[in-house]
Amino acid sequence: MANIEFGCLPTTIGGMPQTDPREACAQVLHYLKDVPAWPQLPKRSYNENMYVQYSQGFPGVVVENERIYVDRTQAQKELEQFYTDFLADDYNKYAIGAEYAAGLHTFLNWDNLSPWAVKGQVTGPVTWGMTITDENRKAIIYDDTLSEAVPKLLRMKARWMEKVLSQISRNTIIFLDEPYMAAFGSVGIMLSEETVIGLINDVFSSIKGVKGIHCCGNTDWAILLKTNTNIISFDTYNYADSLALYPAEVKKFLEKGGTIAWGVVPNNPETLAGETVASLRDRLEEAMAPFTREGVPFKQLVRQGLLTPSCQIASLETEEAAGQALELLAELSADIRKRYL
């Protein structure tokens, strides 16, 4: 399914404000009929935040009192079995449990689902490895022993997720969410470009369908465009200029059949309240303009585009506001498709 033309269909980033997984799934499936994404519910429990959610099975991991860390002594005892499982491709042992992703399991058990495509998301290796620390609060990405296990764990999570989602649609999309890449090049991330690309491609190597990367801040897009991703997903609403700095790289990416997911619907309640389909269409066309000036046909940008919220919409706090964002997103998509396709 790689190199597919989405034609600016709408989908979402993952996080939703609900605590009831059925309510969240119903809302996603009402507005995003073609490319729904299973809802992450960080307000439901600590287990559902984007770091803890993918931690089950990591050697030495401890989740207690709303803290997650890796006990290095315990990790040393468990690493051998972890690598044995990894080499045996026993990814079912690393499934994401319902207590860590109620939205995913509710979504998987929903009756009569047959969307054209289906999207899932896994926290990317840079962000996960920078956020999870050992007992001394040192990020495990900087630990020679533990860092190699990070992409391996996420590979098994992504592989399992793709397998279960493929029961809903044969067209699967798995995003790696990499918010930490907004700090790349600062003292916040002491990783080389080569290391970042290697970590991301390591996780991508287990994904057979469409692969995407989402970063909701300003980042060095040239690095992410060098990975094996099929989709670049960014916060168009707040950072349209950040991708526009790389017109040649984006043009090359599109020529290879890549997709840009335009995060044009804001996830801030006050900002959202002031937007309409017309205002968001203007904003989207403005964000596409730098690329058309570089010789990318506007219709190509539309054909090779997805539309999303700027980032996850759990920040909208209420089910009503989330519904408003998804309704605007679906209406904007319908408007763009009717006008230009």
C-alpha atoms as a PDB file:
ATOM      1  CA  MET A   1       0.000   0.000   0.000  1.00  0.00           C
ATOM      2  CA  ALA A   2       3.012   2.303   0.088  1.00  0.00           C
ATOM      3  CA  ASN A   3       2.884   5.300  -2.267  1.00  0.00           C
ATOM      4  CA  ILE A   4      -0.873   5.621  -2.141  1.00  0.00           C
ATOM      5  CA  GLU A   5      -2.839   8.743  -3.018  1.00  0.00           C
ATOM      6  CA  PHE A   6      -5.067   9.719  -0.107  1.00  0.00           C
ATOM      7  CA  GLY A   7      -6.596  12.765  -1.781  1.00  0.00           C
ATOM      8  CA  CYS A   8      -6.720  14.799   1.448  1.00  0.00           C
ATOM      9  CA  LEU A   9      -8.923  12.320   3.303  1.00  0.00           C
ATOM     10  CA  PRO A  10      -9.135  13.081   7.029  1.00  0.00           C
ATOM     11  CA  THR A  11      -7.608  11.063   9.864  1.00  0.00           C
ATOM     12  CA  THR A  12      -6.400  11.873  13.367  1.00  0.00           C
ATOM     13  CA  ILE A  13      -3.202  11.723  15.413  1.00  0.00           C
ATOM     14  CA  GLY A  14      -4.474   9.480  18.213  1.00  0.00           C
ATOM     15  CA  GLY A  15      -5.052  11.178  21.567  1.00  0.00           C
ATOM     16  CA  MET A  16      -8.683  11.921  22.505  1.00  0.00           C
ATOM     17  CA  PRO A  17     -10.126  13.651  25.621  1.00  0.00           C
ATOM     18  CA  GLN A  18     -12.667  10.956  26.530  1.00  0.00           C
ATOM     19  CA  THR A  19     -12.212   8.409  29.303  1.00  0.00           C
ATOM     20  CA  ASP A  20     -14.885   6.064  27.922  1.00  0.00           C
ATOM     21  CA  PRO A  21     -13.359   4.080  25.040  1.00  0.00           C
ATOM     22  CA  ARG A  22     -16.742   3.408  23.409  1.00  0.00           C
ATOM     23  CA  GLU A  23     -17.553   7.119  23.287  1.00  0.00           C
ATOM     24  CA  ALA A  24     -14.136   7.897  21.796  1.00  0.00           C
ATOM     25  CA  CYS A  25     -14.407   5.156  19.153  1.00  0.00           C
ATOM     26  CA  ALA A  26     -17.957   6.193  18.236  1.00  0.00           C
ATOM     27  CA  GLN A  27     -16.829   9.782  17.695  1.00  0.00           C
ATOM     28  CA  VAL A  28     -13.814   8.800  15.568  1.00  0.00           C
ATOM     29  CA  LEU A  29     -15.878   6.404  13.463  1.00  0.00           C
ATOM     30  CA  HIS A  30     -18.681   8.928  12.977  1.00  0.00           C
ATOM     31  CA  TYR A  31     -16.414  11.588  11.462  1.00  0.00           C
ATOM     32  CA  LEU A  32     -13.535   9.597   9.988  1.00  0.00           C
ATOM     33  CA  LYS A  33     -15.231   6.841   8.034  1.00  0.00           C
ATOM     34  CA  ASP A  34     -12.503   6.307   5.423  1.00  0.00           C
ATOM     35  CA  VAL A  35      -9.326   6.385   7.545  1.00  0.00           C
ATOM     36  CA  PRO A  36     -10.172   6.058  11.260  1.00  0.00           C
ATOM     37  CA  ALA A  37      -7.417   5.860  13.880  1.00  0.00           C
ATOM     38  CA  TRP A  38      -7.826   4.037  17.178  1.00  0.00           C
ATOM     39  CA  PRO A  39      -8.156   6.512  20.065  1.00  0.00           C
ATOM     40  CA  GLN A  40      -5.497   6.898  22.762  1.00  0.00           C
ATOM     41  CA  LEU A  41      -7.075   7.973  26.061  1.00  0.00           C
ATOM     42  CA  PRO A  42      -4.377   9.587  28.249  1.00  0.00           C
ATOM     43  CA  LYS A  43      -6.983  10.940  30.706  1.00  0.00           C
ATOM     44  CA  ARG A  44      -8.310   7.463  31.367  1.00  0.00           C
ATOM     45  CA  SER A  45      -5.278   6.273  33.324  1.00  0.00           C
ATOM     46  CA  TYR A  46      -1.542   6.771  33.701  1.00  0.00           C
ATOM     47  CA  ASN A  47      -1.028   3.527  31.736  1.00  0.00           C
ATOM     48  CA  GLU A  48      -2.459   5.221  28.657  1.00  0.00           C
ATOM     49  CA  ASN A  49       0.016   8.074  28.352  1.00  0.00           C
ATOM     50  CA  MET A  50       2.116   7.703  25.203  1.00  0.00           C
ATOM     51  CA  TYR A  51       5.239   6.557  27.072  1.00  0.00           C
ATOM     52  CA  VAL A  52       3.765   3.993  29.455  1.00  0.00           C
ATOM     53  CA  GLN A  53       1.369   2.652  26.798  1.00  0.00           C
ATOM     54  CA  TYR A  54       4.167   0.917  24.855  1.00  0.00           C
ATOM     55  CA  SER A  55       6.329  -0.128  27.804  1.00  0.00           C
ATOM     56  CA  GLN A  56       4.974  -3.621  28.557  1.00  0.00           C
ATOM     57  CA  GLY A  57       7.688  -6.204  28.124  1.00  0.00           C
ATOM     58  CA  PHE A  58      10.689  -3.865  28.194  1.00  0.00           C
ATOM     59  CA  PRO A  59      13.457  -5.474  30.294  1.00  0.00           C
ATOM     60  CA  GLY A  60      13.390  -4.163  33.868  1.00  0.00           C
ATOM     61  CA  VAL A  61      10.544  -1.708  33.337  1.00  0.00           C
ATOM     62  CA  VAL A  62       8.771  -0.534  36.507  1.00  0.00           C
ATOM     63  CA  VAL A  63       5.482   1.403  36.519  1.00  0.00           C
ATOM     64  CA  GLU A  64       4.455   2.535  40.008  1.00  0.00           C
ATOM     65  CA  ASN A  65       2.993   5.630  41.695  1.00  0.00           C
ATOM     66  CA  GLU A  66       2.587   7.359  38.319  1.00  0.00           C
ATOM     67  CA  ARG A  67       6.262   6.966  37.544  1.00  0.00           C
ATOM     68  CA  ILE A  68       7.907   4.796  34.909  1.00  0.00           C
ATOM     69  CA  TYR A  69      11.582   3.826  34.955  1.00  0.00           C
ATOM     70  CA  VAL A  70      13.894   0.926  34.152  1.00  0.00           C
ATOM     71  CA  ASP A  71      15.549  -0.988  36.992  1.00  0.00           C
ATOM     72  CA  ARG A  72      18.956  -1.769  35.465  1.00  0.00           C
ATOM     73  CA  THR A  73      19.659  -4.739  37.763  1.00  0.00           C
ATOM     74  CA  GLN A  74      16.372  -6.348  36.782  1.00  0.00           C
ATOM     75  CA  ALA A  75      16.934  -5.421  33.144  1.00  0.00           C
ATOM     76  CA  GLN A  76      20.217  -7.363  33.049  1.00  0.00           C
ATOM     77  CA  LYS A  77      18.306 -10.504  34.102  1.00  0.00           C
ATOM     78  CA  GLU A  78      15.586 -10.047  31.483  1.00  0.00           C
ATOM     79  CA  LEU A  79      17.557  -8.869  28.439  1.00  0.00           C
ATOM     80  CA  GLU A  80      18.559 -12.336  27.272  1.00  0.00           C
ATOM     81  CA  GLN A  81      14.937 -13.565  27.129  1.00  0.00           C
ATOM     82  CA  PHE A  82      13.893 -10.320  25.421  1.00  0.00           C
ATOM     83  CA  TYR A  83      16.459 -10.818  22.640  1.00  0.00           C
ATOM     84  CA  THR A  84      15.502 -14.479  22.306  1.00  0.00           C
ATOM     85  CA  ASP A  85      11.880 -13.417  21.742  1.00  0.00           C
ATOM     86  CA  PHE A  86      12.943 -10.705  19.326  1.00  0.00           C
ATOM     87  CA  LEU A  87      15.098 -13.050  17.220  1.00  0.00           C
ATOM     88  CA  ALA A  88      12.278 -15.610  17.192  1.00  0.00           C
ATOM     89  CA  ASP A  89       9.893 -12.858  15.971  1.00  0.00           C
ATOM     90  CA  ASP A  90       7.624 -13.675  18.938  1.00  0.00           C
ATOM     91  CA  TYR A  91       5.945 -10.262  18.791  1.00  0.00           C
ATOM     92  CA  ASN A  92       2.609 -11.577  20.147  1.00  0.00           C
ATOM     93  CA  LYS A  93       4.296 -11.766  23.568  1.00  0.00           C
ATOM     94  CA  TYR A  94       4.659  -7.973  23.348  1.00  0.00           C
ATOM     95  CA  ALA A  95       1.023  -7.198  22.531  1.00  0.00           C
ATOM     96  CA  ILE A  96      -0.434  -4.011  24.017  1.00  0.00           C
ATOM     97  CA  GLY A  97      -2.857  -5.004  26.781  1.00  0.00           C
ATOM     98  CA  ALA A  98      -6.377  -3.602  27.142  1.00  0.00           C
ATOM     99  CA  GLU A  99      -5.401  -1.949  30.455  1.00  0.00           C
ATOM    100  CA  TYR A 100      -2.806   0.075  28.469  1.00  0.00           C
ATOM    101  CA  ALA A 101      -4.928   0.843  25.397  1.00  0.00           C
ATOM    102  CA  ALA A 102      -8.665   0.510  26.040  1.00  0.00           C
ATOM    103  CA  GLY A 103      -9.404   2.536  22.909  1.00  0.00           C
ATOM    104  CA  LEU A 104      -7.448   0.127  20.712  1.00  0.00           C
ATOM    105  CA  HIS A 105      -9.145  -2.984  22.086  1.00  0.00           C
ATOM    106  CA  THR A 106     -12.613  -1.399  21.875  1.00  0.00           C
ATOM    107  CA  PHE A 107     -11.859  -0.339  18.298  1.00  0.00           C
ATOM    108  CA  LEU A 108     -10.695  -3.860  17.372  1.00  0.00           C
ATOM    109  CA  ASN A 109     -13.940  -5.355  18.699  1.00  0.00           C
ATOM    110  CA  TRP A 110     -16.279  -2.844  17.025  1.00  0.00           C
ATOM    111  CA  ASP A 111     -18.981  -4.437  14.870  1.00  0.00           C
ATOM    112  CA  ASN A 112     -19.188  -4.018  11.101  1.00  0.00           C
ATOM    113  CA  LEU A 113     -16.015  -1.999  10.593  1.00  0.00           C
ATOM    114  CA  SER A 114     -14.807  -1.916   7.001  1.00  0.00           C
ATOM    115  CA  PRO A 115     -12.974   1.363   6.385  1.00  0.00           C
ATOM    116  CA  TRP A 116     -10.867   1.892   3.292  1.00  0.00           C
ATOM    117  CA  ALA A 117      -7.736   2.243   5.467  1.00  0.00           C
ATOM    118  CA  VAL A 118      -6.986   2.163   9.187  1.00  0.00           C
ATOM    119  CA  LYS A 119      -4.361   4.033  11.224  1.00  0.00           C
ATOM    120  CA  GLY A 120      -2.466   3.146  14.380  1.00  0.00           C
ATOM    121  CA  GLN A 121       0.331   4.917  16.214  1.00  0.00           C
ATOM    122  CA  VAL A 122       3.342   3.985  18.312  1.00  0.00           C
ATOM    123  CA  THR A 123       5.636   6.356  20.209  1.00  0.00           C
ATOM    124  CA  GLY A 124       8.834   6.745  18.182  1.00  0.00           C
ATOM    125  CA  PRO A 125      12.184   5.407  19.452  1.00  0.00           C
ATOM    126  CA  VAL A 126      13.834   8.812  19.921  1.00  0.00           C
ATOM    127  CA  THR A 127      10.965  10.154  22.029  1.00  0.00           C
ATOM    128  CA  TRP A 128      10.446   6.905  23.949  1.00  0.00           C
ATOM    129  CA  GLY A 129      14.130   6.417  24.650  1.00  0.00           C
ATOM    130  CA  MET A 130      14.595  10.047  25.735  1.00  0.00           C
ATOM    131  CA  THR A 131      11.571   9.976  28.069  1.00  0.00           C
ATOM    132  CA  ILE A 132      12.055   6.616  29.803  1.00  0.00           C
ATOM    133  CA  THR A 133      14.924   6.745  32.286  1.00  0.00           C
ATOM    134  CA  ASP A 134      16.757   4.319  34.544  1.00  0.00           C
ATOM    135  CA  GLU A 135      16.388   4.480  38.333  1.00  0.00           C
ATOM    136  CA  ASN A 136      18.946   7.341  38.388  1.00  0.00           C
ATOM    137  CA  ARG A 137      16.843   9.368  35.917  1.00  0.00           C
ATOM    138  CA  LYS A 138      19.286   8.939  33.032  1.00  0.00           C
ATOM    139  CA  ALA A 139      17.515   8.562  29.662  1.00  0.00           C
ATOM    140  CA  ILE A 140      17.891   4.972  28.491  1.00  0.00           C
ATOM    141  CA  ILE A 141      18.670   6.102  24.941  1.00  0.00           C
ATOM    142  CA  TYR A 142      22.132   7.047  26.292  1.00  0.00           C
ATOM    143  CA  ASP A 143      22.701   3.662  27.929  1.00  0.00           C
ATOM    144  CA  ASP A 144      24.871   1.388  25.756  1.00  0.00           C
ATOM    145  CA  THR A 145      23.079  -1.778  26.902  1.00  0.00           C
ATOM    146  CA  LEU A 146      19.477  -0.583  27.069  1.00  0.00           C
ATOM    147  CA  SER A 147      19.414   1.721  24.028  1.00  0.00           C
ATOM    148  CA  GLU A 148      19.609  -1.194  21.583  1.00  0.00           C
ATOM    149  CA  ALA A 149      16.489  -2.741  23.110  1.00  0.00           C
ATOM    150  CA  VAL A 150      14.396   0.422  22.527  1.00  0.00           C
ATOM    151  CA  PRO A 151      13.779   0.119  18.763  1.00  0.00           C
ATOM    152  CA  LYS A 152      13.474  -3.672  19.140  1.00  0.00           C
ATOM    153  CA  LEU A 153      10.604  -3.320  21.639  1.00  0.00           C
ATOM    154  CA  LEU A 154       8.836  -0.732  19.471  1.00  0.00           C
ATOM    155  CA  ARG A 155       9.364  -2.905  16.396  1.00  0.00           C
ATOM    156  CA  MET A 156       7.472  -5.735  18.070  1.00  0.00           C
ATOM    157  CA  LYS A 157       4.711  -3.343  19.219  1.00  0.00           C
ATOM    158  CA  ALA A 158       4.335  -1.919  15.704  1.00  0.00           C
ATOM    159  CA  ARG A 159       4.381  -5.379  14.119  1.00  0.00           C
ATOM    160  CA  TRP A 160       1.685  -6.648  16.489  1.00  0.00           C
ATOM    161  CA  MET A 161      -0.442  -3.519  16.002  1.00  0.00           C
ATOM    162  CA  GLU A 162      -0.225  -3.733  12.224  1.00  0.00           C
ATOM    163  CA  LYS A 163      -1.267  -7.380  12.359  1.00  0.00           C
ATOM    164  CA  VAL A 164      -4.381  -6.732  14.475  1.00  0.00           C
ATOM    165  CA  LEU A 165      -5.384  -3.631  12.491  1.00  0.00           C
ATOM    166  CA  SER A 166      -5.063  -5.558   9.223  1.00  0.00           C
ATOM    167  CA  GLN A 167      -8.126  -7.535  10.354  1.00  0.00           C
ATOM    168  CA  ILE A 168     -10.121  -4.276   9.973  1.00  0.00           C
ATOM    169  CA  SER A 169      -8.630  -3.117   6.660  1.00  0.00           C
ATOM    170  CA  ARG A 170      -5.879  -4.488   4.459  1.00  0.00           C
ATOM    171  CA  ASN A 171      -4.678  -0.888   4.042  1.00  0.00           C
ATOM    172  CA  THR A 172      -2.807  -0.172   7.285  1.00  0.00           C
ATOM    173  CA  ILE A 173      -0.946   2.963   8.345  1.00  0.00           C
ATOM    174  CA  ILE A 174       1.352   3.029  11.386  1.00  0.00           C
ATOM    175  CA  PHE A 175       2.686   6.383  12.583  1.00  0.00           C
ATOM    176  CA  LEU A 176       5.697   6.857  14.826  1.00  0.00           C
ATOM    177  CA  ASP A 177       5.007   9.859  17.057  1.00  0.00           C
ATOM    178  CA  GLU A 178       8.235  11.792  17.610  1.00  0.00           C
ATOM    179  CA  PRO A 179       7.487  15.014  19.540  1.00  0.00           C
ATOM    180  CA  TYR A 180      11.034  14.955  20.978  1.00  0.00           C
ATOM    181  CA  MET A 181      12.411  15.636  17.495  1.00  0.00           C
ATOM    182  CA  ALA A 182      11.344  19.256  18.024  1.00  0.00           C
ATOM    183  CA  ALA A 183      14.384  19.471  20.359  1.00  0.00           C
ATOM    184  CA  PHE A 184      16.812  17.970  17.826  1.00  0.00           C
ATOM    185  CA  GLY A 185      19.982  20.029  17.492  1.00  0.00           C
ATOM    186  CA  SER A 186      19.621  21.504  20.996  1.00  0.00           C
ATOM    187  CA  VAL A 187      21.265  20.323  24.217  1.00  0.00           C
ATOM    188  CA  GLY A 188      18.008  18.446  24.793  1.00  0.00           C
ATOM    189  CA  ILE A 189      19.021  15.698  22.341  1.00  0.00           C
ATOM    190  CA  MET A 190      22.639  14.608  22.111  1.00  0.00           C
ATOM    191  CA  LEU A 191      22.085  12.175  19.231  1.00  0.00           C
ATOM    192  CA  SER A 192      23.592  12.336  15.762  1.00  0.00           C
ATOM    193  CA  GLU A 193      21.525  12.550  12.588  1.00  0.00           C
ATOM    194  CA  GLU A 194      22.774   9.077  11.664  1.00  0.00           C
ATOM    195  CA  THR A 195      21.618   7.645  15.023  1.00  0.00           C
ATOM    196  CA  VAL A 196      18.142   9.194  14.695  1.00  0.00           C
ATOM    197  CA  ILE A 197      17.646   7.867  11.155  1.00  0.00           C
ATOM    198  CA  GLY A 198      18.952   4.434  12.226  1.00  0.00           C
ATOM    199  CA  LEU A 199      16.583   4.215  15.216  1.00  0.00           C
ATOM    200  CA  ILE A 200      13.526   5.222  13.192  1.00  0.00           C
ATOM    201  CA  ASN A 201      14.337   2.944  10.254  1.00  0.00           C
ATOM    202  CA  ASP A 202      14.924   0.074  12.679  1.00  0.00           C
ATOM    203  CA  VAL A 203      11.304   0.356  13.875  1.00  0.00           C
ATOM    204  CA  PHE A 204      10.023   0.939  10.329  1.00  0.00           C
ATOM    205  CA  SER A 205      11.665  -2.292   9.166  1.00  0.00           C
ATOM    206  CA  SER A 206       8.913  -4.313  10.877  1.00  0.00           C
ATOM    207  CA  ILE A 207       6.056  -2.419   9.192  1.00  0.00           C
ATOM    208  CA  LYS A 208       4.776  -3.854   5.916  1.00  0.00           C
ATOM    209  CA  GLY A 209       2.103  -1.247   5.136  1.00  0.00           C
ATOM    210  CA  VAL A 210       2.272   2.542   5.075  1.00  0.00           C
ATOM    211  CA  LYS A 211       4.679   4.162   7.557  1.00  0.00           C
ATOM    212  CA  GLY A 212       4.409   7.701   8.884  1.00  0.00           C
ATOM    213  CA  ILE A 213       6.224  10.075  11.232  1.00  0.00           C
ATOM    214  CA  HIS A 214       4.443  12.758  13.220  1.00  0.00           C
ATOM    215  CA  CYS A 215       6.282  15.645  14.873  1.00  0.00           C
ATOM    216  CA  CYS A 216       4.146  18.461  16.242  1.00  0.00           C
ATOM    217  CA  GLY A 217       6.875  21.077  16.596  1.00  0.00           C
ATOM    218  CA  ASN A 218       9.591  22.784  14.629  1.00  0.00           C
ATOM    219  CA  THR A 219      12.201  20.210  13.598  1.00  0.00           C
ATOM    220  CA  ASP A 220      14.902  19.477  11.030  1.00  0.00           C
ATOM    221  CA  TRP A 221      12.559  17.936   8.472  1.00  0.00           C
ATOM    222  CA  ALA A 222      15.491  17.100   6.181  1.00  0.00           C
ATOM    223  CA  ILE A 223      16.462  14.350   8.660  1.00  0.00           C
ATOM    224  CA  LEU A 224      12.987  12.833   8.889  1.00  0.00           C
ATOM    225  CA  LEU A 225      12.628  13.016   5.093  1.00  0.00           C
ATOM    226  CA  LYS A 226      15.763  10.826   4.847  1.00  0.00           C
ATOM    227  CA  THR A 227      14.101   7.992   6.751  1.00  0.00           C
ATOM    228  CA  ASN A 228      12.044   5.246   5.093  1.00  0.00           C
ATOM    229  CA  THR A 229       8.786   7.028   5.894  1.00  0.00           C
ATOM    230  CA  ASN A 230       5.869   7.246   3.440  1.00  0.00           C
ATOM    231  CA  ILE A 231       4.115  10.072   5.332  1.00  0.00           C
ATOM    232  CA  ILE A 232       5.391  13.243   6.967  1.00  0.00           C
ATOM    233  CA  SER A 233       2.843  14.584   9.471  1.00  0.00           C
ATOM    234  CA  PHE A 234       3.279  18.062  10.928  1.00  0.00           C
ATOM    235  CA  ASP A 235       1.493  20.845  12.790  1.00  0.00           C
ATOM    236  CA  THR A 236       0.531  22.972   9.786  1.00  0.00           C
ATOM    237  CA  TYR A 237      -1.618  25.294  11.861  1.00  0.00           C
ATOM    238  CA  ASN A 238       1.237  26.597  14.032  1.00  0.00           C
ATOM    239  CA  TYR A 239       4.386  25.638  12.108  1.00  0.00           C
ATOM    240  CA  ALA A 240       3.589  25.796   8.381  1.00  0.00           C
ATOM    241  CA  ASP A 241       6.871  27.665   7.843  1.00  0.00           C
ATOM    242  CA  SER A 242       8.948  24.850   9.337  1.00  0.00           C
ATOM    243  CA  LEU A 243       8.338  22.425   6.443  1.00  0.00           C
ATOM    244  CA  ALA A 244       8.484  25.231   3.870  1.00  0.00           C
ATOM    245  CA  LEU A 245      12.217  25.597   4.677  1.00  0.00           C
ATOM    246  CA  TYR A 246      12.857  22.289   2.855  1.00  0.00           C
ATOM    247  CA  PRO A 247      11.201  22.709  -0.570  1.00  0.00           C
ATOM    248  CA  ALA A 248      13.727  20.646  -2.540  1.00  0.00           C
ATOM    249  CA  GLU A 249      13.617  17.736  -0.061  1.00  0.00           C
ATOM    250  CA  VAL A 250       9.793  17.809   0.049  1.00  0.00           C
ATOM    251  CA  LYS A 251       9.600  17.880  -3.762  1.00  0.00           C
ATOM    252  CA  LYS A 252      11.876  14.820  -3.964  1.00  0.00           C
ATOM    253  CA  PHE A 253       9.796  13.059  -1.280  1.00  0.00           C
ATOM    254  CA  LEU A 254       6.592  13.697  -3.242  1.00  0.00           C
ATOM    255  CA  GLU A 255       8.212  12.535  -6.485  1.00  0.00           C
ATOM    256  CA  LYS A 256       8.879   9.199  -4.772  1.00  0.00           C
ATOM    257  CA  GLY A 257       5.152   8.961  -3.964  1.00  0.00           C
ATOM    258  CA  GLY A 258       5.297  10.321  -0.398  1.00  0.00           C
ATOM    259  CA  THR A 259       2.341  11.859   1.451  1.00  0.00           C
ATOM    260  CA  ILE A 260       2.160  14.998   3.573  1.00  0.00           C
ATOM    261  CA  ALA A 261      -0.339  14.960   6.439  1.00  0.00           C
ATOM    262  CA  TRP A 262      -1.360  18.591   6.903  1.00  0.00           C
ATOM    263  CA  GLY A 263      -2.241  19.184  10.579  1.00  0.00           C
ATOM    264  CA  VAL A 264      -4.425  22.161   9.828  1.00  0.00           C
ATOM    265  CA  VAL A 265      -7.192  21.934  12.468  1.00  0.00           C
ATOM    266  CA  PRO A 266      -6.004  23.493  15.762  1.00  0.00           C
ATOM    267  CA  ASN A 267      -6.090  21.524  19.020  1.00  0.00           C
ATOM    268  CA  ASN A 268      -6.401  24.589  21.241  1.00  0.00           C
ATOM    269  CA  PRO A 269     -10.013  25.241  22.390  1.00  0.00           C
ATOM    270  CA  GLU A 270      -9.909  29.057  22.078  1.00  0.00           C
ATOM    271  CA  THR A 271      -8.301  28.994  18.610  1.00  0.00           C
ATOM    272  CA  LEU A 272     -10.604  26.228  17.381  1.00  0.00           C
ATOM    273  CA  ALA A 273     -13.699  28.236  18.342  1.00  0.00           C
ATOM    274  CA  GLY A 274     -12.726  30.991  15.873  1.00  0.00           C
ATOM    275  CA  GLU A 275     -12.150  28.760  12.823  1.00  0.00           C
ATOM    276  CA  THR A 276     -14.431  27.783   9.939  1.00  0.00           C
ATOM    277  CA  VAL A 277     -14.014  25.510   6.910  1.00  0.00           C
ATOM    278  CA  ALA A 278     -13.301  28.607   4.780  1.00  0.00           C
ATOM    279  CA  SER A 279     -10.637  29.992   7.155  1.00  0.00           C
ATOM    280  CA  LEU A 280      -8.920  26.604   7.422  1.00  0.00           C
ATOM    281  CA  ARG A 281      -9.008  26.109   3.650  1.00  0.00           C
ATOM    282  CA  ASP A 282      -7.262  29.481   3.238  1.00  0.00           C
ATOM    283  CA  ARG A 283      -4.681  28.443   5.787  1.00  0.00           C
ATOM    284  CA  LEU A 284      -4.085  25.097   4.084  1.00  0.00           C
ATOM    285  CA  GLU A 285      -3.688  26.674   0.638  1.00  0.00           C
ATOM    286  CA  GLU A 286      -1.273  29.207   2.130  1.00  0.00           C
ATOM    287  CA  ALA A 287       0.785  26.361   3.652  1.00  0.00           C
ATOM    288  CA  MET A 288       0.914  24.599   0.265  1.00  0.00           C
ATOM    289  CA  ALA A 289       1.908  27.741  -1.671  1.00  0.00           C
ATOM    290  CA  PRO A 290       5.709  27.606  -1.026  1.00  0.00           C
ATOM    291  CA  PHE A 291       5.811  24.163  -2.643  1.00  0.00           C
ATOM    292  CA  THR A 292       3.778  25.190  -5.691  1.00  0.00           C
ATOM    293  CA  ARG A 293       6.264  28.046  -6.172  1.00  0.00           C
ATOM    294  CA  GLU A 294       8.983  25.365  -6.298  1.00  0.00           C
ATOM    295  CA  GLY A 295       7.204  23.621  -9.144  1.00  0.00           C
ATOM    296  CA  VAL A 296       5.083  21.067  -7.251  1.00  0.00           C
ATOM    297  CA  PRO A 297       1.625  21.104  -8.879  1.00  0.00           C
ATOM    298  CA  PHE A 298      -1.097  22.127  -6.425  1.00  0.00           C
ATOM    299  CA  LYS A 299      -3.226  19.126  -7.429  1.00  0.00           C
ATOM    300  CA  GLN A 300      -0.313  16.816  -6.614  1.00  0.00           C
ATOM    301  CA  LEU A 301      -0.202  18.252  -3.088  1.00  0.00           C
ATOM    302  CA  VAL A 302      -3.941  17.593  -2.768  1.00  0.00           C
ATOM    303  CA  ARG A 303      -3.737  14.073  -4.196  1.00  0.00           C
ATOM    304  CA  GLN A 304      -0.720  13.173  -2.029  1.00  0.00           C
ATOM    305  CA  GLY A 305      -2.161  14.730   1.102  1.00  0.00           C
ATOM    306  CA  LEU A 306      -3.932  13.701   4.289  1.00  0.00           C
ATOM    307  CA  LEU A 307      -5.694  16.147   6.622  1.00  0.00           C
ATOM    308  CA  THR A 308      -5.383  15.889  10.404  1.00  0.00           C
ATOM    309  CA  PRO A 309      -5.641  17.979  13.565  1.00  0.00           C
ATOM    310  CA  SER A 310      -2.418  19.838  14.398  1.00  0.00           C
ATOM    311  CA  CYS A 311      -1.604  17.211  17.037  1.00  0.00           C
ATOM    312  CA  GLN A 312      -3.562  14.875  19.319  1.00  0.00           C
ATOM    313  CA  ILE A 313      -6.869  16.373  20.458  1.00  0.00           C
ATOM    314  CA  ALA A 314      -6.862  15.147  24.072  1.00  0.00           C
ATOM    315  CA  SER A 315      -5.831  18.759  24.824  1.00  0.00           C
ATOM    316  CA  LEU A 316      -9.317  19.927  23.811  1.00  0.00           C
ATOM    317  CA  GLU A 317     -10.533  18.661  27.215  1.00  0.00           C
ATOM    318  CA  THR A 318     -14.171  17.928  26.278  1.00  0.00           C
ATOM    319  CA  GLU A 319     -15.952  15.490  24.009  1.00  0.00           C
ATOM    320  CA  GLU A 320     -17.883  18.426  22.485  1.00  0.00           C
ATOM    321  CA  ALA A 321     -14.710  20.278  21.483  1.00  0.00           C
ATOM    322  CA  ALA A 322     -13.179  17.077  20.066  1.00  0.00           C
ATOM    323  CA  GLY A 323     -16.359  16.573  18.037  1.00  0.00           C
ATOM    324  CA  GLN A 324     -16.129  20.153  16.772  1.00  0.00           C
ATOM    325  CA  ALA A 325     -12.506  19.578  15.651  1.00  0.00           C
ATOM    326  CA  LEU A 326     -13.323  16.308  13.878  1.00  0.00           C
ATOM    327  CA  GLU A 327     -16.423  17.794  12.238  1.00  0.00           C
ATOM    328  CA  LEU A 328     -14.385  20.728  10.892  1.00  0.00           C
ATOM    329  CA  LEU A 329     -11.722  18.285   9.701  1.00  0.00           C
ATOM    330  CA  ALA A 330     -14.246  16.077   7.866  1.00  0.00           C
ATOM    331  CA  GLU A 331     -16.001  19.086   6.307  1.00  0.00           C
ATOM    332  CA  LEU A 332     -12.716  20.650   5.208  1.00  0.00           C
ATOM    333  CA  SER A 333     -11.677  17.376   3.576  1.00  0.00           C
ATOM    334  CA  ALA A 334     -14.995  17.092   1.737  1.00  0.00           C
ATOM    335  CA  ASP A 335     -14.670  20.722   0.572  1.00  0.00           C
ATOM    336  CA  ILE A 336     -11.089  20.281  -0.715  1.00  0.00           C
ATOM    337  CA  ARG A 337     -11.927  17.030  -2.468  1.00  0.00           C
ATOM    338  CA  LYS A 338     -15.005  18.504  -4.145  1.00  0.00           C
ATOM    339  CA  ARG A 339     -13.113  21.595  -5.314  1.00  0.00           C
ATOM    340  CA  TYR A 340      -9.908  20.062  -6.573  1.00  0.00           C
ATOM    341  CA  LEU A 341     -10.275  16.323  -7.249  1.00  0.00           C
END
